[in-house]
Amino acid sequence: MHRVAVPVTHTVPTGTTNAYLLGTRRALLVDPPARDDELDAVVAEHDVAHLAVTHVHPDHVGGVADYAAETGATVWARRGHTAAFEAATGVTPDRTLAEGCVIDTDAGPITVVETPGHAREHVAFELRVDGHEVVLCGDLAVAEGSVVVGAPDGDMRSYLTSLRRLRARDPDRLCPGHGPPIDEPRPTIDRLLDHRLERERRVRHAVESGARTLEEVVDAAYDKDLSGVVDLATATVRAHLEKLAVEGDVVWTPTTGRVRPQRDGRGGVGTGG
């Protein structure tokens, strides 16, 4: 398994996105974020038969068209999301993948695990490397910091569920889309879960304490300067409010950006303000 950290122009934690090449012959290339000399060299030395991405955010797909054309690889996209894949990459996928799908490579069978949340079409890829269970987890987890889960593309309930599913699988190593490999997955997953649930607690407390607009909740839920990242914080809080509304804790009206505590016990998204 080869990992190449490719510099990207998008705002990402490390300034790079990891591309992975799995196998030597009939290899799978995952998440080529851009054309890159080091990645070019790795691709040239191997027979790339398959190309797939964990999700279609720009910092993960920028090299798909070039490497698909160069290698003639079979291009895979998440079932039900082929239009989004084509719009993001400019490439019409050859095949679709979903939970349990197996891609045959000389590195062994690579199994698709659906992990929505950071993006609705997000998947991970599971394989055995030197006898160890390894998961290429995309933007589901990172070794340090946290993962942005921002509405409307992100779904907080799905993200937490995906983290818990990954924890239950108990792999030996996670290979994320950004940063170094994670050799102790469960403590990292627990840290990410705790972080998200603490932010949710702050969002709920803000609403219960009188915050009635999205902006007011953002101000109350963060205790740091948000200069330069206020858009990400706002999208994250909105994703938390959507989750709390579905679970019946708040009444959230996305058309007006108004929120209030749930008092009638019916749950769901409110129609007023």
Protein backbone atom coordinates (compact mmCIF):
# COMPACT_ATOMS: atom_id res chain seq x y z
CA MET A 1 0.00 0.00 0.00
CA HIS A 2 1.39 3.36 -1.06
CA ARG A 3 0.31 6.67 0.53
CA VAL A 4 1.12 9.92 -1.25
CA ALA A 5 0.36 13.22 0.49
CA VAL A 6 -0.58 15.52 -2.39
CA PRO A 7 -0.58 19.31 -1.83
CA VAL A 8 -3.98 20.88 -2.47
CA THR A 9 -5.18 24.46 -2.69
CA HIS A 10 -8.32 23.82 -0.66
CA THR A 11 -8.53 24.54 3.06
CA VAL A 12 -7.67 21.22 4.70
CA PRO A 13 -6.01 20.46 8.06
CA THR A 14 -2.58 19.47 6.71
CA GLY A 15 -2.51 21.30 3.38
CA THR A 16 -2.41 17.90 1.69
CA THR A 17 -4.81 15.09 0.82
CA ASN A 18 -3.68 11.46 0.93
CA ALA A 19 -3.96 9.41 -2.23
CA TYR A 20 -3.61 5.64 -1.78
CA LEU A 21 -2.54 2.96 -4.24
CA LEU A 22 -3.47 -0.57 -3.19
CA GLY A 23 -1.77 -3.40 -5.08
CA THR A 24 0.80 -3.75 -7.85
CA ARG A 25 -1.14 -5.37 -10.67
CA ARG A 26 -4.89 -4.80 -10.82
CA ALA A 27 -4.28 -2.02 -8.28
CA LEU A 28 -6.89 0.37 -6.85
CA LEU A 29 -6.17 4.11 -6.77
CA VAL A 30 -8.19 5.93 -4.09
CA ASP A 31 -8.74 9.71 -3.79
CA PRO A 32 -6.31 11.24 -6.30
CA PRO A 33 -6.74 14.89 -5.27
CA ALA A 34 -4.66 16.53 -8.00
CA ARG A 35 -1.97 15.84 -10.57
CA ASP A 36 1.30 15.41 -8.67
CA ASP A 37 4.84 14.35 -9.61
CA GLU A 38 5.19 11.85 -6.76
CA LEU A 39 1.80 10.34 -7.46
CA ASP A 40 2.62 10.25 -11.18
CA ALA A 41 5.71 8.17 -10.42
CA VAL A 42 3.82 5.73 -8.19
CA VAL A 43 1.05 5.30 -10.77
CA ALA A 44 3.59 4.78 -13.57
CA GLU A 45 5.21 1.92 -11.65
CA HIS A 46 1.97 -0.01 -11.17
CA ASP A 47 -0.93 -1.38 -13.17
CA VAL A 48 -3.90 0.66 -12.00
CA ALA A 49 -7.04 -1.28 -12.83
CA HIS A 50 -9.54 0.53 -10.58
CA LEU A 51 -10.10 4.09 -9.41
CA ALA A 52 -12.48 5.15 -6.62
CA VAL A 53 -12.99 7.97 -4.12
CA THR A 54 -14.21 8.11 -0.54
CA HIS A 55 -16.37 11.14 -1.41
CA VAL A 56 -16.62 13.86 -4.03
CA HIS A 57 -15.33 16.93 -2.17
CA PRO A 58 -12.94 18.88 -4.43
CA ASP A 59 -9.83 18.07 -2.39
CA HIS A 60 -10.36 14.35 -3.05
CA VAL A 61 -11.28 14.22 -6.72
CA GLY A 62 -9.19 16.81 -8.55
CA GLY A 63 -6.97 14.19 -10.20
CA VAL A 64 -9.66 11.67 -11.11
CA ALA A 65 -10.07 12.72 -14.76
CA ASP A 66 -6.33 12.78 -15.49
CA TYR A 67 -5.51 9.46 -13.85
CA ALA A 68 -8.58 7.74 -15.26
CA ALA A 69 -7.60 8.80 -18.77
CA GLU A 70 -3.95 7.87 -18.25
CA THR A 71 -4.51 4.43 -16.77
CA GLY A 72 -7.74 3.33 -18.43
CA ALA A 73 -8.88 2.18 -14.98
CA THR A 74 -12.43 1.16 -14.20
CA VAL A 75 -13.93 4.18 -12.45
CA TRP A 76 -16.26 3.49 -9.51
CA ALA A 77 -18.82 5.84 -7.91
CA ARG A 78 -21.22 5.48 -5.00
CA ARG A 79 -24.53 4.01 -6.09
CA GLY A 80 -27.25 6.64 -6.12
CA HIS A 81 -24.70 9.47 -6.35
CA THR A 82 -23.33 9.08 -9.87
CA ALA A 83 -24.60 12.47 -11.00
CA ALA A 84 -22.73 14.19 -8.17
CA PHE A 85 -19.60 12.18 -9.01
CA GLU A 86 -19.77 13.17 -12.67
CA ALA A 87 -20.37 16.82 -11.81
CA ALA A 88 -17.39 16.86 -9.45
CA THR A 89 -14.93 14.94 -11.64
CA GLY A 90 -16.09 15.38 -15.22
CA VAL A 91 -15.93 11.58 -15.55
CA THR A 92 -18.83 9.21 -16.15
CA PRO A 93 -18.30 6.23 -13.82
CA ASP A 94 -18.05 2.74 -15.26
CA ARG A 95 -19.46 0.93 -12.23
CA THR A 96 -21.16 1.71 -8.95
CA LEU A 97 -20.34 0.56 -5.43
CA ALA A 98 -22.29 0.23 -2.19
CA GLU A 99 -22.05 -1.43 1.23
CA GLY A 100 -20.38 -4.84 0.97
CA CYS A 101 -19.20 -4.40 -2.61
CA VAL A 102 -15.82 -6.07 -3.17
CA ILE A 103 -13.19 -4.71 -5.56
CA ASP A 104 -10.78 -7.42 -6.69
CA THR A 105 -7.12 -6.40 -6.64
CA ASP A 106 -3.85 -8.27 -6.35
CA ALA A 107 -3.57 -6.77 -2.86
CA GLY A 108 -6.60 -8.87 -2.00
CA PRO A 109 -10.32 -8.15 -1.89
CA ILE A 110 -11.17 -4.59 -0.87
CA THR A 111 -14.58 -4.21 0.76
CA VAL A 112 -16.68 -1.06 0.61
CA VAL A 113 -18.12 0.23 3.89
CA GLU A 114 -20.74 2.98 3.68
CA THR A 115 -19.78 5.78 6.10
CA PRO A 116 -21.99 8.80 5.37
CA GLY A 117 -21.91 11.93 7.49
CA HIS A 118 -19.02 14.16 6.46
CA ALA A 119 -20.57 13.80 3.01
CA ARG A 120 -23.75 11.95 2.15
CA GLU A 121 -22.01 9.63 -0.33
CA HIS A 122 -18.95 8.96 1.87
CA VAL A 123 -17.52 5.43 1.88
CA ALA A 124 -14.48 3.69 3.34
CA PHE A 125 -12.41 0.81 2.00
CA GLU A 126 -11.43 -2.17 4.14
CA LEU A 127 -8.62 -4.62 3.41
CA ARG A 128 -5.98 -6.80 5.06
CA VAL A 129 -2.37 -5.63 4.96
CA ASP A 130 0.28 -7.98 6.37
CA GLY A 131 -2.37 -9.74 8.40
CA HIS A 132 -3.87 -6.54 9.83
CA GLU A 133 -7.32 -5.09 9.20
CA VAL A 134 -6.87 -1.66 7.64
CA VAL A 135 -9.58 0.86 6.74
CA LEU A 136 -9.05 3.76 4.35
CA CYS A 137 -11.47 6.06 6.13
CA GLY A 138 -11.35 9.25 4.07
CA ASP A 139 -12.64 12.17 6.11
CA LEU A 140 -14.41 10.06 8.71
CA ALA A 141 -11.49 10.38 11.14
CA VAL A 142 -8.20 12.23 11.63
CA ALA A 143 -5.32 11.61 14.02
CA GLU A 144 -5.48 15.15 15.42
CA GLY A 145 -8.21 17.79 15.50
CA SER A 146 -11.74 17.12 14.33
CA VAL A 147 -13.70 16.52 11.14
CA VAL A 148 -16.01 19.18 9.72
CA VAL A 149 -19.59 17.97 9.42
CA GLY A 150 -21.43 20.90 7.92
CA ALA A 151 -24.95 21.26 6.57
CA PRO A 152 -26.34 21.00 3.98
CA ASP A 153 -23.95 18.32 2.65
CA GLY A 154 -23.01 16.88 6.03
CA ASP A 155 -25.36 14.93 8.26
CA MET A 156 -24.48 14.81 11.96
CA ARG A 157 -26.64 11.82 12.87
CA SER A 158 -25.13 9.79 10.03
CA TYR A 159 -21.60 10.88 10.97
CA LEU A 160 -21.95 9.72 14.57
CA THR A 161 -23.48 6.44 13.42
CA SER A 162 -20.62 5.90 10.98
CA LEU A 163 -18.06 6.50 13.72
CA ARG A 164 -19.80 4.00 15.97
CA ARG A 165 -19.98 1.41 13.19
CA LEU A 166 -16.28 1.85 12.53
CA ARG A 167 -15.53 1.48 16.24
CA ALA A 168 -17.51 -1.76 16.31
CA ARG A 169 -15.52 -3.13 13.37
CA ASP A 170 -12.38 -2.53 15.48
CA PRO A 171 -9.77 -2.35 12.69
CA ASP A 172 -6.07 -2.42 13.48
CA ARG A 173 -5.28 0.77 11.57
CA LEU A 174 -7.07 3.70 9.98
CA CYS A 175 -5.64 5.48 6.95
CA PRO A 176 -7.31 8.89 6.78
CA GLY A 177 -7.67 11.36 3.95
CA HIS A 178 -5.53 13.89 5.79
CA GLY A 179 -2.55 13.39 8.07
CA PRO A 180 -0.75 10.27 9.29
CA PRO A 181 -2.12 6.75 9.82
CA ILE A 182 -3.98 6.05 13.05
CA ASP A 183 -2.56 2.98 14.81
CA GLU A 184 -4.95 3.07 17.76
CA PRO A 185 -8.36 3.60 16.12
CA ARG A 186 -10.66 3.22 19.12
CA PRO A 187 -9.16 6.02 21.27
CA THR A 188 -9.24 8.31 18.23
CA ILE A 189 -12.86 7.42 17.43
CA ASP A 190 -13.82 7.93 21.09
CA ARG A 191 -12.15 11.36 21.04
CA LEU A 192 -14.06 12.36 17.89
CA LEU A 193 -17.35 11.13 19.34
CA ASP A 194 -16.74 13.01 22.60
CA HIS A 195 -15.89 16.18 20.70
CA ARG A 196 -19.07 16.08 18.63
CA LEU A 197 -21.29 15.29 21.61
CA GLU A 198 -19.73 18.10 23.64
CA ARG A 199 -20.41 20.54 20.79
CA GLU A 200 -23.98 19.25 20.67
CA ARG A 201 -24.32 19.85 24.40
CA ARG A 202 -23.20 23.44 23.91
CA VAL A 203 -25.62 23.96 21.02
CA ARG A 204 -28.53 22.57 23.06
CA HIS A 205 -27.56 24.70 26.07
CA ALA A 206 -27.39 27.81 23.88
CA VAL A 207 -30.95 27.25 22.68
CA GLU A 208 -32.21 26.48 26.17
CA SER A 209 -30.51 29.69 27.41
CA GLY A 210 -32.31 31.88 24.90
CA ALA A 211 -30.41 31.83 21.61
CA ARG A 212 -33.03 32.07 18.88
CA THR A 213 -31.06 32.58 15.67
CA LEU A 214 -28.38 30.50 14.02
CA GLU A 215 -25.86 33.30 14.56
CA GLU A 216 -26.69 33.52 18.27
CA VAL A 217 -26.25 29.78 18.70
CA VAL A 218 -22.89 29.88 16.91
CA ASP A 219 -21.66 32.69 19.18
CA ALA A 220 -22.76 30.81 22.30
CA ALA A 221 -21.54 27.36 21.23
CA TYR A 222 -17.93 28.37 20.57
CA ASP A 223 -15.60 29.90 23.12
CA LYS A 224 -12.90 30.96 20.67
CA ASP A 225 -12.27 33.50 17.93
CA LEU A 226 -13.92 32.24 14.74
CA SER A 227 -12.19 34.67 12.39
CA GLY A 228 -11.62 32.92 9.09
CA VAL A 229 -13.68 29.85 10.02
CA VAL A 230 -17.07 31.34 10.85
CA ASP A 231 -18.62 29.73 7.74
CA LEU A 232 -17.44 26.27 8.85
CA ALA A 233 -18.65 26.85 12.40
CA THR A 234 -22.04 28.00 11.14
CA ALA A 235 -22.42 24.97 8.87
CA THR A 236 -21.43 22.70 11.78
CA VAL A 237 -23.95 24.26 14.17
CA ARG A 238 -26.64 23.99 11.54
CA ALA A 239 -25.87 20.26 11.20
CA HIS A 240 -26.20 19.90 14.99
CA LEU A 241 -29.53 21.77 14.95
CA GLU A 242 -30.84 19.51 12.18
CA LYS A 243 -29.93 16.46 14.28
CA LEU A 244 -31.53 17.91 17.42
CA ALA A 245 -34.67 18.81 15.47
CA VAL A 246 -35.05 15.28 14.08
CA GLU A 247 -34.59 13.90 17.60
CA GLY A 248 -37.22 16.26 19.03
CA ASP A 249 -34.97 18.43 21.20
CA VAL A 250 -35.45 21.72 19.32
CA VAL A 251 -37.72 23.28 16.74
CA TRP A 252 -35.51 24.45 13.90
CA THR A 253 -36.79 26.49 10.94
CA PRO A 254 -34.09 26.46 8.26
CA THR A 255 -35.91 28.91 5.98
CA THR A 256 -35.70 31.66 8.60
CA GLY A 257 -32.72 30.48 10.63
CA ARG A 258 -34.82 30.55 13.80
CA VAL A 259 -34.70 27.97 16.57
CA ARG A 260 -36.41 27.40 19.92
CA PRO A 261 -36.61 24.60 22.47
CA GLN A 262 -39.09 21.83 21.76
CA ARG A 263 -42.00 22.11 24.14
CA ASP A 264 -44.84 20.12 22.63
CA GLY A 265 -42.94 16.81 22.49
CA ARG A 266 -43.81 16.10 18.88
CA GLY A 267 -40.27 16.50 17.53
CA GLY A 268 -39.30 17.19 13.94
CA VAL A 269 -38.56 20.39 12.06
CA GLY A 270 -40.67 23.34 13.06
CA THR A 271 -42.75 25.53 10.83
CA GLY A 272 -42.52 28.65 12.92
CA GLY A 273 -39.99 30.57 14.59
